[in-house]
Amino acid sequence: MSQANKAKAVVPNELDGERLDKALAALVPELSRHLARKVLGMGAVTVDGRKVRRASEPVRARQTLEATWHPDVLVPERFDLDVVYADSELVIVDKPSGQLSQGSELGDVGSLIHALSRRFGPTVRLMHRLDKGASGLMVAALTPEASAWLTPQLREHTIERRYVAVTQGVPPVGVCEVPILIRGREVRAAHAGEDGVPAKSYVQVERTFEAPGTPGRERALVAVKLYTGRTHQIRIHLEALGAPIVGDPDYGGPRAPRLCLHAAVLGFVHPNRSMIRFERAPPADFIAASGMAPAA
């Protein structure tokens, strides 16, 4: 049997009053909140030598936390944090394909928010999400003031968001306004008579090509501008247009090593009232998965 893991940490001033499970996750690199709660439930955590099982118990600065657990839990893959821009108010990152934005019921180790919290502190707030399989630009607020400034821009859809995708088939150019049905875990294009939420995208075909091994089946590199930000909006709209995304079998696309969807452009008004805009080209794994030859 492998040896138990042990960790000891002193609560810093910035975590004074924080929940015990969140403090453990912030101070012990191997622990997600999910795993911290499991260890707490086993009675394997002490606060200043006192055994504590309640995850919501607040911690105080300078308290000593100790945890002991057996390494039977598979730790998700970790990803490097690709910071495109950072200042005292916000940070822009380029998320890789395969990384969760916010974590899941299995824990948050390996998620983008987990990595951001470790680099920039526990008050960081991710302002929007990208699907796990997608890559690209995202913004996180580092202060409550920045979060309050960015929130209405996201709500009113004044933030510039431009995506690129590779589709199986060539979609028509123009606006797509197919409503989206969101019913629990079911997210799809609404059928006639169903009460879907409004969704609006603009699709532009950049170029077409034939991928190796798919003779006679045309693919397209498309740019998509969002006017609303519904769950899976681009994936659903491209499927509805008869050109699903490569690597998106959930919405009719052919299988591929990754989802060929990338958030390439992000622009908005900074809390300092200046306009900022960032652009990142799709990464090498996107090009390889799509069957598209790299640009000359």
C-alpha atoms as a PDB file:
ATOM      1  CA  MET A   1       0.000   0.000   0.000  1.00  0.00           C
ATOM      2  CA  SER A   2       1.340   3.454  -0.904  1.00  0.00           C
ATOM      3  CA  GLN A   3       2.076   5.959   1.821  1.00  0.00           C
ATOM      4  CA  ALA A   4      -0.429   8.586   2.856  1.00  0.00           C
ATOM      5  CA  ASN A   5      -0.043  12.178   1.702  1.00  0.00           C
ATOM      6  CA  LYS A   6       0.366  14.828   4.387  1.00  0.00           C
ATOM      7  CA  ALA A   7       0.205  18.602   4.138  1.00  0.00           C
ATOM      8  CA  LYS A   8       0.587  21.448   6.629  1.00  0.00           C
ATOM      9  CA  ALA A   9      -0.113  25.129   5.996  1.00  0.00           C
ATOM     10  CA  VAL A  10      -0.598  28.373   7.916  1.00  0.00           C
ATOM     11  CA  VAL A  11      -3.587  30.514   6.946  1.00  0.00           C
ATOM     12  CA  PRO A  12      -2.449  33.861   5.459  1.00  0.00           C
ATOM     13  CA  ASN A  13      -4.231  37.145   6.184  1.00  0.00           C
ATOM     14  CA  GLU A  14      -5.954  37.197   2.775  1.00  0.00           C
ATOM     15  CA  LEU A  15      -7.807  33.936   3.580  1.00  0.00           C
ATOM     16  CA  ASP A  16      -9.041  35.087   7.003  1.00  0.00           C
ATOM     17  CA  GLY A  17     -12.731  34.136   7.265  1.00  0.00           C
ATOM     18  CA  GLU A  18     -12.663  31.812   4.224  1.00  0.00           C
ATOM     19  CA  ARG A  19     -14.385  28.411   4.286  1.00  0.00           C
ATOM     20  CA  LEU A  20     -12.143  25.579   5.424  1.00  0.00           C
ATOM     21  CA  ASP A  21     -12.542  23.536   2.223  1.00  0.00           C
ATOM     22  CA  LYS A  22     -11.708  26.558   0.049  1.00  0.00           C
ATOM     23  CA  ALA A  23      -8.728  27.458   2.241  1.00  0.00           C
ATOM     24  CA  LEU A  24      -7.362  23.927   1.970  1.00  0.00           C
ATOM     25  CA  ALA A  25      -7.758  23.974  -1.814  1.00  0.00           C
ATOM     26  CA  ALA A  26      -5.987  27.346  -1.988  1.00  0.00           C
ATOM     27  CA  LEU A  27      -3.086  26.348   0.267  1.00  0.00           C
ATOM     28  CA  VAL A  28      -2.449  22.715  -0.683  1.00  0.00           C
ATOM     29  CA  PRO A  29      -1.606  22.222  -4.387  1.00  0.00           C
ATOM     30  CA  GLU A  30      -2.703  18.570  -4.389  1.00  0.00           C
ATOM     31  CA  LEU A  31      -6.185  19.279  -2.993  1.00  0.00           C
ATOM     32  CA  SER A  32      -9.213  20.425  -4.956  1.00  0.00           C
ATOM     33  CA  ARG A  33     -12.287  21.517  -2.995  1.00  0.00           C
ATOM     34  CA  HIS A  34     -13.881  18.173  -3.866  1.00  0.00           C
ATOM     35  CA  LEU A  35     -10.954  16.233  -2.440  1.00  0.00           C
ATOM     36  CA  ALA A  36     -10.673  18.603   0.531  1.00  0.00           C
ATOM     37  CA  ARG A  37     -14.285  17.827   1.450  1.00  0.00           C
ATOM     38  CA  LYS A  38     -13.614  14.092   1.183  1.00  0.00           C
ATOM     39  CA  VAL A  39     -10.594  14.389   3.472  1.00  0.00           C
ATOM     40  CA  LEU A  40     -12.624  16.488   5.910  1.00  0.00           C
ATOM     41  CA  GLY A  41     -15.367  13.862   5.911  1.00  0.00           C
ATOM     42  CA  MET A  42     -12.810  11.216   6.870  1.00  0.00           C
ATOM     43  CA  GLY A  43     -11.817  13.273   9.911  1.00  0.00           C
ATOM     44  CA  ALA A  44      -8.312  13.710   8.530  1.00  0.00           C
ATOM     45  CA  VAL A  45      -8.047  17.498   8.904  1.00  0.00           C
ATOM     46  CA  THR A  46      -7.023  19.437  11.987  1.00  0.00           C
ATOM     47  CA  VAL A  47      -7.110  23.169  12.702  1.00  0.00           C
ATOM     48  CA  ASP A  48      -4.551  24.105  15.352  1.00  0.00           C
ATOM     49  CA  GLY A  49      -4.532  20.458  16.396  1.00  0.00           C
ATOM     50  CA  ARG A  50      -8.348  20.214  16.651  1.00  0.00           C
ATOM     51  CA  LYS A  51     -10.070  17.718  14.350  1.00  0.00           C
ATOM     52  CA  VAL A  52     -12.625  19.425  12.119  1.00  0.00           C
ATOM     53  CA  ARG A  53     -15.105  17.812   9.708  1.00  0.00           C
ATOM     54  CA  ARG A  54     -17.250  20.813   8.725  1.00  0.00           C
ATOM     55  CA  ALA A  55     -16.243  22.167   5.289  1.00  0.00           C
ATOM     56  CA  SER A  56     -17.985  25.509   5.866  1.00  0.00           C
ATOM     57  CA  GLU A  57     -16.142  26.310   9.107  1.00  0.00           C
ATOM     58  CA  PRO A  58     -14.355  29.666   8.693  1.00  0.00           C
ATOM     59  CA  VAL A  59     -10.612  29.737   9.191  1.00  0.00           C
ATOM     60  CA  ARG A  60      -8.634  32.540  10.824  1.00  0.00           C
ATOM     61  CA  ALA A  61      -5.319  34.076   9.892  1.00  0.00           C
ATOM     62  CA  ARG A  62      -2.289  32.298  11.411  1.00  0.00           C
ATOM     63  CA  GLN A  63      -4.206  29.096  12.165  1.00  0.00           C
ATOM     64  CA  THR A  64      -2.331  25.899  11.238  1.00  0.00           C
ATOM     65  CA  LEU A  65      -4.147  23.460   8.970  1.00  0.00           C
ATOM     66  CA  GLU A  66      -3.012  19.845   8.661  1.00  0.00           C
ATOM     67  CA  ALA A  67      -4.463  17.225   6.313  1.00  0.00           C
ATOM     68  CA  THR A  68      -3.692  13.541   5.751  1.00  0.00           C
ATOM     69  CA  TRP A  69      -5.131  11.489   2.893  1.00  0.00           C
ATOM     70  CA  HIS A  70      -4.440   8.379   0.882  1.00  0.00           C
ATOM     71  CA  PRO A  71      -3.606   8.988  -2.808  1.00  0.00           C
ATOM     72  CA  ASP A  72      -6.461   6.944  -4.248  1.00  0.00           C
ATOM     73  CA  VAL A  73      -8.010   9.855  -6.140  1.00  0.00           C
ATOM     74  CA  LEU A  74      -6.936  10.404  -9.732  1.00  0.00           C
ATOM     75  CA  VAL A  75      -5.750  14.003 -10.129  1.00  0.00           C
ATOM     76  CA  PRO A  76      -6.888  15.560 -13.418  1.00  0.00           C
ATOM     77  CA  GLU A  77      -4.346  16.721 -15.958  1.00  0.00           C
ATOM     78  CA  ARG A  78      -2.737  20.074 -15.214  1.00  0.00           C
ATOM     79  CA  PHE A  79      -2.262  22.739 -17.875  1.00  0.00           C
ATOM     80  CA  ASP A  80       0.194  25.597 -18.150  1.00  0.00           C
ATOM     81  CA  LEU A  81      -1.381  29.021 -17.692  1.00  0.00           C
ATOM     82  CA  ASP A  82      -0.910  31.042 -20.908  1.00  0.00           C
ATOM     83  CA  VAL A  83      -1.283  34.671 -19.816  1.00  0.00           C
ATOM     84  CA  VAL A  84      -1.746  37.003 -22.775  1.00  0.00           C
ATOM     85  CA  TYR A  85      -2.185  40.194 -20.707  1.00  0.00           C
ATOM     86  CA  ALA A  86      -2.474  41.096 -17.026  1.00  0.00           C
ATOM     87  CA  ASP A  87      -2.710  44.257 -14.932  1.00  0.00           C
ATOM     88  CA  SER A  88      -4.079  45.124 -11.502  1.00  0.00           C
ATOM     89  CA  GLU A  89      -7.700  44.845 -12.694  1.00  0.00           C
ATOM     90  CA  LEU A  90      -7.960  41.883 -15.032  1.00  0.00           C
ATOM     91  CA  VAL A  91      -6.150  39.086 -16.851  1.00  0.00           C
ATOM     92  CA  ILE A  92      -6.554  37.684 -20.385  1.00  0.00           C
ATOM     93  CA  VAL A  93      -5.598  34.039 -20.904  1.00  0.00           C
ATOM     94  CA  ASP A  94      -5.498  31.652 -23.849  1.00  0.00           C
ATOM     95  CA  LYS A  95      -7.185  28.426 -22.680  1.00  0.00           C
ATOM     96  CA  PRO A  96      -6.009  25.190 -24.311  1.00  0.00           C
ATOM     97  CA  SER A  97      -8.363  22.530 -25.613  1.00  0.00           C
ATOM     98  CA  GLY A  98      -9.082  19.869 -22.991  1.00  0.00           C
ATOM     99  CA  GLN A  99      -9.065  22.193 -19.978  1.00  0.00           C
ATOM    100  CA  LEU A 100     -12.266  22.836 -18.031  1.00  0.00           C
ATOM    101  CA  SER A 101     -13.052  26.492 -17.403  1.00  0.00           C
ATOM    102  CA  GLN A 102     -14.636  26.140 -13.970  1.00  0.00           C
ATOM    103  CA  GLY A 103     -14.125  22.548 -12.856  1.00  0.00           C
ATOM    104  CA  SER A 104     -16.821  19.944 -12.372  1.00  0.00           C
ATOM    105  CA  GLU A 105     -18.398  17.677  -9.795  1.00  0.00           C
ATOM    106  CA  LEU A 106     -15.143  15.701  -9.886  1.00  0.00           C
ATOM    107  CA  GLY A 107     -13.202  18.687  -8.548  1.00  0.00           C
ATOM    108  CA  ASP A 108     -11.421  21.774  -9.808  1.00  0.00           C
ATOM    109  CA  VAL A 109      -7.770  20.680  -9.919  1.00  0.00           C
ATOM    110  CA  GLY A 110      -6.624  21.223 -13.490  1.00  0.00           C
ATOM    111  CA  SER A 111      -9.365  23.767 -14.283  1.00  0.00           C
ATOM    112  CA  LEU A 112      -8.585  27.247 -15.551  1.00  0.00           C
ATOM    113  CA  ILE A 113     -10.128  28.943 -12.503  1.00  0.00           C
ATOM    114  CA  HIS A 114      -7.991  26.749 -10.225  1.00  0.00           C
ATOM    115  CA  ALA A 115      -4.830  27.818 -12.056  1.00  0.00           C
ATOM    116  CA  LEU A 116      -5.891  31.466 -12.045  1.00  0.00           C
ATOM    117  CA  SER A 117      -6.656  31.380  -8.322  1.00  0.00           C
ATOM    118  CA  ARG A 118      -3.206  30.009  -7.560  1.00  0.00           C
ATOM    119  CA  ARG A 119      -1.486  32.667  -9.673  1.00  0.00           C
ATOM    120  CA  PHE A 120      -3.640  35.718  -8.906  1.00  0.00           C
ATOM    121  CA  GLY A 121      -5.380  34.926  -5.602  1.00  0.00           C
ATOM    122  CA  PRO A 122      -8.737  33.554  -4.439  1.00  0.00           C
ATOM    123  CA  THR A 123     -10.767  36.633  -5.442  1.00  0.00           C
ATOM    124  CA  VAL A 124     -10.236  36.095  -9.190  1.00  0.00           C
ATOM    125  CA  ARG A 125     -13.477  35.666 -11.148  1.00  0.00           C
ATOM    126  CA  LEU A 126     -13.724  34.123 -14.608  1.00  0.00           C
ATOM    127  CA  MET A 127     -16.186  36.306 -16.518  1.00  0.00           C
ATOM    128  CA  HIS A 128     -17.346  33.764 -19.117  1.00  0.00           C
ATOM    129  CA  ARG A 129     -16.732  30.174 -20.178  1.00  0.00           C
ATOM    130  CA  LEU A 130     -15.438  28.128 -23.065  1.00  0.00           C
ATOM    131  CA  ASP A 131     -16.353  24.506 -23.686  1.00  0.00           C
ATOM    132  CA  LYS A 132     -13.729  22.033 -22.507  1.00  0.00           C
ATOM    133  CA  GLY A 133     -12.846  21.024 -26.066  1.00  0.00           C
ATOM    134  CA  ALA A 134     -12.523  24.611 -27.319  1.00  0.00           C
ATOM    135  CA  SER A 135      -9.459  26.822 -27.010  1.00  0.00           C
ATOM    136  CA  GLY A 136      -8.908  30.551 -26.986  1.00  0.00           C
ATOM    137  CA  LEU A 137      -9.146  33.899 -25.257  1.00  0.00           C
ATOM    138  CA  MET A 138     -10.937  34.450 -21.955  1.00  0.00           C
ATOM    139  CA  VAL A 139     -11.037  37.326 -19.467  1.00  0.00           C
ATOM    140  CA  ALA A 140     -11.000  37.116 -15.671  1.00  0.00           C
ATOM    141  CA  ALA A 141     -11.547  39.978 -13.219  1.00  0.00           C
ATOM    142  CA  LEU A 142      -9.058  40.410 -10.395  1.00  0.00           C
ATOM    143  CA  THR A 143     -11.132  42.876  -8.364  1.00  0.00           C
ATOM    144  CA  PRO A 144     -14.842  43.268  -7.545  1.00  0.00           C
ATOM    145  CA  GLU A 145     -14.762  46.631  -9.332  1.00  0.00           C
ATOM    146  CA  ALA A 146     -13.469  45.061 -12.549  1.00  0.00           C
ATOM    147  CA  SER A 147     -16.098  42.330 -12.326  1.00  0.00           C
ATOM    148  CA  ALA A 148     -18.848  44.928 -11.890  1.00  0.00           C
ATOM    149  CA  TRP A 149     -17.490  46.861 -14.901  1.00  0.00           C
ATOM    150  CA  LEU A 150     -17.283  43.837 -17.224  1.00  0.00           C
ATOM    151  CA  THR A 151     -20.585  42.193 -16.259  1.00  0.00           C
ATOM    152  CA  PRO A 152     -22.910  44.629 -18.089  1.00  0.00           C
ATOM    153  CA  GLN A 153     -20.713  44.475 -21.208  1.00  0.00           C
ATOM    154  CA  LEU A 154     -21.180  40.699 -21.252  1.00  0.00           C
ATOM    155  CA  ARG A 155     -24.874  40.930 -20.432  1.00  0.00           C
ATOM    156  CA  GLU A 156     -25.515  43.542 -23.131  1.00  0.00           C
ATOM    157  CA  HIS A 157     -23.263  41.723 -25.658  1.00  0.00           C
ATOM    158  CA  THR A 158     -21.064  44.750 -26.318  1.00  0.00           C
ATOM    159  CA  ILE A 159     -17.871  42.713 -25.858  1.00  0.00           C
ATOM    160  CA  GLU A 160     -16.340  41.743 -29.208  1.00  0.00           C
ATOM    161  CA  ARG A 161     -16.055  37.957 -29.459  1.00  0.00           C
ATOM    162  CA  ARG A 162     -14.949  36.322 -32.688  1.00  0.00           C
ATOM    163  CA  TYR A 163     -14.428  32.586 -33.064  1.00  0.00           C
ATOM    164  CA  VAL A 164     -12.972  30.412 -35.782  1.00  0.00           C
ATOM    165  CA  ALA A 165     -14.075  26.852 -36.486  1.00  0.00           C
ATOM    166  CA  VAL A 166     -13.580  24.130 -39.077  1.00  0.00           C
ATOM    167  CA  THR A 167     -16.794  22.556 -40.310  1.00  0.00           C
ATOM    168  CA  GLN A 168     -17.710  19.408 -42.205  1.00  0.00           C
ATOM    169  CA  GLY A 169     -19.495  20.968 -45.143  1.00  0.00           C
ATOM    170  CA  VAL A 170     -19.800  24.644 -46.038  1.00  0.00           C
ATOM    171  CA  PRO A 171     -22.392  26.729 -44.144  1.00  0.00           C
ATOM    172  CA  PRO A 172     -24.275  29.582 -45.810  1.00  0.00           C
ATOM    173  CA  VAL A 173     -22.829  33.029 -45.103  1.00  0.00           C
ATOM    174  CA  GLY A 174     -24.957  35.347 -42.985  1.00  0.00           C
ATOM    175  CA  VAL A 175     -26.928  35.628 -39.775  1.00  0.00           C
ATOM    176  CA  CYS A 176     -28.235  32.537 -37.954  1.00  0.00           C
ATOM    177  CA  GLU A 177     -31.003  33.084 -35.401  1.00  0.00           C
ATOM    178  CA  VAL A 178     -32.068  29.520 -34.603  1.00  0.00           C
ATOM    179  CA  PRO A 179     -33.441  29.511 -31.005  1.00  0.00           C
ATOM    180  CA  ILE A 180     -31.759  27.197 -28.516  1.00  0.00           C
ATOM    181  CA  LEU A 181     -33.608  24.862 -26.161  1.00  0.00           C
ATOM    182  CA  ILE A 182     -31.966  24.540 -22.739  1.00  0.00           C
ATOM    183  CA  ARG A 183     -33.698  21.922 -20.594  1.00  0.00           C
ATOM    184  CA  GLY A 184     -31.472  20.653 -17.792  1.00  0.00           C
ATOM    185  CA  ARG A 185     -28.545  18.870 -19.439  1.00  0.00           C
ATOM    186  CA  GLU A 186     -30.318  18.873 -22.809  1.00  0.00           C
ATOM    187  CA  VAL A 187     -29.059  21.725 -25.002  1.00  0.00           C
ATOM    188  CA  ARG A 188     -30.007  21.739 -28.713  1.00  0.00           C
ATOM    189  CA  ALA A 189     -31.672  23.702 -31.484  1.00  0.00           C
ATOM    190  CA  ALA A 190     -35.313  24.319 -30.641  1.00  0.00           C
ATOM    191  CA  HIS A 191     -37.874  22.615 -32.866  1.00  0.00           C
ATOM    192  CA  ALA A 192     -40.963  24.367 -34.214  1.00  0.00           C
ATOM    193  CA  GLY A 193     -43.343  25.123 -31.364  1.00  0.00           C
ATOM    194  CA  GLU A 194     -40.711  24.735 -28.638  1.00  0.00           C
ATOM    195  CA  ASP A 195     -39.907  27.630 -26.336  1.00  0.00           C
ATOM    196  CA  GLY A 196     -36.226  28.163 -27.063  1.00  0.00           C
ATOM    197  CA  VAL A 197     -34.153  31.163 -26.033  1.00  0.00           C
ATOM    198  CA  PRO A 198     -33.161  33.677 -28.747  1.00  0.00           C
ATOM    199  CA  ALA A 199     -29.652  33.259 -30.157  1.00  0.00           C
ATOM    200  CA  LYS A 200     -27.870  35.198 -32.899  1.00  0.00           C
ATOM    201  CA  SER A 201     -24.599  34.476 -34.705  1.00  0.00           C
ATOM    202  CA  TYR A 202     -23.002  35.761 -37.899  1.00  0.00           C
ATOM    203  CA  VAL A 203     -21.128  33.199 -40.004  1.00  0.00           C
ATOM    204  CA  GLN A 204     -18.456  34.041 -42.572  1.00  0.00           C
ATOM    205  CA  VAL A 205     -16.647  31.431 -44.693  1.00  0.00           C
ATOM    206  CA  GLU A 206     -12.914  32.189 -44.798  1.00  0.00           C
ATOM    207  CA  ARG A 207     -11.886  29.376 -47.133  1.00  0.00           C
ATOM    208  CA  THR A 208     -12.741  25.813 -48.098  1.00  0.00           C
ATOM    209  CA  PHE A 209     -10.507  22.766 -48.450  1.00  0.00           C
ATOM    210  CA  GLU A 210     -10.503  18.992 -48.739  1.00  0.00           C
ATOM    211  CA  ALA A 211      -9.023  17.199 -45.734  1.00  0.00           C
ATOM    212  CA  PRO A 212      -6.688  14.214 -46.239  1.00  0.00           C
ATOM    213  CA  GLY A 213      -8.622  10.941 -46.262  1.00  0.00           C
ATOM    214  CA  THR A 214     -11.971  12.613 -47.000  1.00  0.00           C
ATOM    215  CA  PRO A 215     -12.103  12.848 -50.810  1.00  0.00           C
ATOM    216  CA  GLY A 216     -15.059  14.749 -52.138  1.00  0.00           C
ATOM    217  CA  ARG A 217     -16.081  16.010 -48.691  1.00  0.00           C
ATOM    218  CA  GLU A 218     -15.434  19.717 -48.446  1.00  0.00           C
ATOM    219  CA  ARG A 219     -14.562  21.383 -45.174  1.00  0.00           C
ATOM    220  CA  ALA A 220     -14.621  25.085 -44.346  1.00  0.00           C
ATOM    221  CA  LEU A 221     -12.677  27.431 -42.118  1.00  0.00           C
ATOM    222  CA  VAL A 222     -15.334  29.786 -40.787  1.00  0.00           C
ATOM    223  CA  ALA A 223     -15.367  32.886 -38.612  1.00  0.00           C
ATOM    224  CA  VAL A 224     -18.317  33.341 -36.259  1.00  0.00           C
ATOM    225  CA  LYS A 225     -19.288  36.541 -34.468  1.00  0.00           C
ATOM    226  CA  LEU A 226     -21.557  36.202 -31.447  1.00  0.00           C
ATOM    227  CA  TYR A 227     -24.364  38.621 -30.715  1.00  0.00           C
ATOM    228  CA  THR A 228     -25.647  36.470 -27.846  1.00  0.00           C
ATOM    229  CA  GLY A 229     -23.790  34.015 -25.654  1.00  0.00           C
ATOM    230  CA  ARG A 230     -25.952  30.920 -25.240  1.00  0.00           C
ATOM    231  CA  THR A 231     -24.624  27.539 -24.120  1.00  0.00           C
ATOM    232  CA  HIS A 232     -23.069  25.687 -27.118  1.00  0.00           C
ATOM    233  CA  GLN A 233     -24.419  28.421 -29.412  1.00  0.00           C
ATOM    234  CA  ILE A 234     -21.822  28.181 -32.189  1.00  0.00           C
ATOM    235  CA  ARG A 235     -21.867  24.383 -32.174  1.00  0.00           C
ATOM    236  CA  ILE A 236     -25.668  24.266 -32.392  1.00  0.00           C
ATOM    237  CA  HIS A 237     -25.938  26.982 -35.047  1.00  0.00           C
ATOM    238  CA  LEU A 238     -23.366  25.378 -37.327  1.00  0.00           C
ATOM    239  CA  GLU A 239     -25.104  22.016 -36.981  1.00  0.00           C
ATOM    240  CA  ALA A 240     -28.415  23.717 -37.824  1.00  0.00           C
ATOM    241  CA  LEU A 241     -26.776  25.219 -40.928  1.00  0.00           C
ATOM    242  CA  GLY A 242     -25.770  21.757 -42.112  1.00  0.00           C
ATOM    243  CA  ALA A 243     -22.063  22.188 -41.360  1.00  0.00           C
ATOM    244  CA  PRO A 244     -21.222  20.757 -37.906  1.00  0.00           C
ATOM    245  CA  ILE A 245     -17.820  21.382 -36.338  1.00  0.00           C
ATOM    246  CA  VAL A 246     -15.047  18.842 -36.883  1.00  0.00           C
ATOM    247  CA  GLY A 247     -14.398  17.049 -33.591  1.00  0.00           C
ATOM    248  CA  ASP A 248     -17.963  17.615 -32.330  1.00  0.00           C
ATOM    249  CA  PRO A 249     -19.842  14.293 -32.545  1.00  0.00           C
ATOM    250  CA  ASP A 250     -22.377  15.535 -29.964  1.00  0.00           C
ATOM    251  CA  TYR A 251     -23.673  17.957 -32.609  1.00  0.00           C
ATOM    252  CA  GLY A 252     -23.241  15.889 -35.756  1.00  0.00           C
ATOM    253  CA  GLY A 253     -19.577  16.524 -36.510  1.00  0.00           C
ATOM    254  CA  PRO A 254     -16.961  13.913 -37.431  1.00  0.00           C
ATOM    255  CA  ARG A 255     -14.669  12.669 -34.693  1.00  0.00           C
ATOM    256  CA  ALA A 256     -11.261  14.306 -34.354  1.00  0.00           C
ATOM    257  CA  PRO A 257      -8.551  14.613 -31.661  1.00  0.00           C
ATOM    258  CA  ARG A 258     -10.111  17.876 -30.459  1.00  0.00           C
ATOM    259  CA  LEU A 259     -13.059  20.217 -31.007  1.00  0.00           C
ATOM    260  CA  CYS A 260     -12.066  22.548 -33.861  1.00  0.00           C
ATOM    261  CA  LEU A 261     -13.407  25.706 -32.235  1.00  0.00           C
ATOM    262  CA  HIS A 262     -11.172  28.572 -31.092  1.00  0.00           C
ATOM    263  CA  ALA A 263     -11.939  31.961 -29.492  1.00  0.00           C
ATOM    264  CA  ALA A 264      -9.653  34.110 -31.632  1.00  0.00           C
ATOM    265  CA  VAL A 265     -10.639  37.700 -30.795  1.00  0.00           C
ATOM    266  CA  LEU A 266     -11.669  39.377 -27.541  1.00  0.00           C
ATOM    267  CA  GLY A 267     -12.230  43.125 -27.277  1.00  0.00           C
ATOM    268  CA  PHE A 268     -13.925  45.320 -24.670  1.00  0.00           C
ATOM    269  CA  VAL A 269     -13.743  48.548 -22.684  1.00  0.00           C
ATOM    270  CA  HIS A 270     -11.223  48.262 -19.839  1.00  0.00           C
ATOM    271  CA  PRO A 271     -12.196  49.560 -16.367  1.00  0.00           C
ATOM    272  CA  ASN A 272      -9.792  52.441 -17.060  1.00  0.00           C
ATOM    273  CA  ARG A 273     -12.169  53.386 -19.952  1.00  0.00           C
ATOM    274  CA  SER A 274      -9.703  52.473 -22.714  1.00  0.00           C
ATOM    275  CA  MET A 275     -10.636  50.063 -25.499  1.00  0.00           C
ATOM    276  CA  ILE A 276      -8.482  46.911 -25.548  1.00  0.00           C
ATOM    277  CA  ARG A 277      -8.485  44.094 -28.078  1.00  0.00           C
ATOM    278  CA  PHE A 278      -6.571  40.819 -28.295  1.00  0.00           C
ATOM    279  CA  GLU A 279      -6.218  38.255 -31.063  1.00  0.00           C
ATOM    280  CA  ARG A 280      -4.764  34.747 -31.014  1.00  0.00           C
ATOM    281  CA  ALA A 281      -4.533  32.381 -33.981  1.00  0.00           C
ATOM    282  CA  PRO A 282      -5.675  28.750 -33.586  1.00  0.00           C
ATOM    283  CA  PRO A 283      -2.951  26.537 -32.089  1.00  0.00           C
ATOM    284  CA  ALA A 284      -1.119  23.692 -33.806  1.00  0.00           C
ATOM    285  CA  ASP A 285      -3.416  20.985 -32.397  1.00  0.00           C
ATOM    286  CA  PHE A 286      -6.416  22.775 -33.968  1.00  0.00           C
ATOM    287  CA  ILE A 287      -4.722  22.824 -37.385  1.00  0.00           C
ATOM    288  CA  ALA A 288      -3.739  19.150 -37.110  1.00  0.00           C
ATOM    289  CA  ALA A 289      -7.173  17.961 -35.939  1.00  0.00           C
ATOM    290  CA  SER A 290      -9.004  19.914 -38.630  1.00  0.00           C
ATOM    291  CA  GLY A 291      -7.062  18.389 -41.543  1.00  0.00           C
ATOM    292  CA  MET A 292      -6.262  21.905 -42.689  1.00  0.00           C
ATOM    293  CA  ALA A 293      -2.732  22.536 -43.949  1.00  0.00           C
ATOM    294  CA  PRO A 294      -0.866  25.258 -42.022  1.00  0.00           C
ATOM    295  CA  ALA A 295      -0.905  28.634 -43.716  1.00  0.00           C
ATOM    296  CA  ALA A 296       2.090  29.203 -45.992  1.00  0.00           C
END
